[in-house]
Amino acid sequence: MAVALLESLLEGVPAGPAARSAAVAALRRDGLPGTRDEAWKYTALRALEQRRLVAGDAGAAAREVDAATYALPGIEGPRLVFVNGVFRVDLSDQRELQGLTLSPLSSEPARLASLLDAGEGERADAFERLNTALVADGALVRVANDARIGMPLHLVFIGTSADADLAWQARVRVELGEGAALTLVEHHAGTGVQAHLGNLVADYVLAAGARLDLLQLQDAGADSTLVRRDAFRLDRGACVSAHALELGARLVRHDFRVDLAGPGSRLVSRGTFALTGRQHADTRLDVRHLAPDTACDIAWRGAADQRSRGVFHGAITIESGADGADARLSNRNLLLSAQAEIDTQPVLVIHADEVAAAHGATVGQLDEQALFYLRTRGIPREAARRLLVSAFCGATLDGISPDALRAHLLRLLAQRLPLVEGA
């Protein structure tokens, strides 16, 4: 599949650990996924395959980037900025905070090599292999035992392609020690008019009692493709509270894998995609309860306008021995035009006893009674639709702090959908 695309990219594979050559061999053998692959059933890569992408960006270190591209209200802590996968020290803020170690992976080649060698597991897919083959940079974040980092950490990934279609890779490793706490903002932004492929692989390891508050804001360039794979492993009593807002890019694929490996570990996941034009967003959550008394609470919402398409696959597996697990999954969606599509697939597999579990999914349209009520109060139909959709999608942003950041995200959300019927 996509032989020409792969060959154009793999021409530039850098020297490095054995994992690189193994990844290249696997890619040439298996190719990229197609719609016959169950995990990619609703997401075709035809538009990407028609391009001849160039690996890396030799000019990334010199590209001009306006700070307004990545500035977020209320986020004033340390910041690492990557432009087309290349670390930019001039745009970053590497201030030292007690208990926090923060560095680009390009400054620790031995650690990058060890991460690549450890990453080729049974769950590796084609884009993880592509990342392993080509990645040269990324972020390494370590929080010491019992350290509670009081300022949010900001990781920014900017895709910009002014003169060529390119593919950039990045790798992120976040390690939280016992009892550690961190707030992390992962921010994808984009500039330029040319198409590009961004491919990010991130691993999060939380020791006993650690807590991670994670916000993922995706506002990439309008003609870009962004593929992300996040994997989490939580030890005893660890907690991840994650919020995701998907707004930009032409095509987005986001895989979110969580192993609740320690007793009492828990996940709270909230997310929204808001799509318009011909945007396509495919989100897959795969949560495994591997220990007793683990818990997950997942609630995602989506809105699709014009000719866009949203895909949501949420799978929860409660393995044998995970007695006392509590699993909740909800996915609610709005279709805002006759041409839009949403596919939702909640899956619940239980191999343990004495568990509490529930899942559900809906795809519907705006409440006409609520719309009528707003119009009787003198609100024009288009403005009323915008209010209802913003309220529906914005509910998943509750709990985000500071308030200035949440207000900013709500404004972004309201601006994205034209909400003009028949547009």
Foldseek 3Di string as FASTA:
>chain_A
DLQQQLVLALVPFDDAAPLQVVLNVVCNVPPADALVPVQCVPPGCVVVSVFNAHEDDPCQQPDDDDLVQFDFPPADDWEWEAELQHTHPVNTGPDDDPQKDKDKCLVVVVVLRVCSVVPPDPPDHSLNSSQSRRHRIEMEMEGEALAEDPGAYEYEYEYEDADGEYEGEYEEEYEYHHNYEHEYEYEYEYDHDDEYEYRYEYEYEYEANYEYEYEYEHAYAAAYEYEYEYEYEYAHQYEYEYEYEAFHHQEYEYEAEYEDAYANYEYEYEYEYEEEDAREYAYEYEYEQREAQYEYAEEYEYEYEDQYEYEYEYEYEYAAHHANYEYEEEYEYAYLAPNYYYYYHYYYHYDYPHYHYDYDYYYYHDDVVQLVVVVVVVDDSQVSVLVRVLVVRLVSLPPDDDPSRSVVVSVSSSPRDSSDYPD
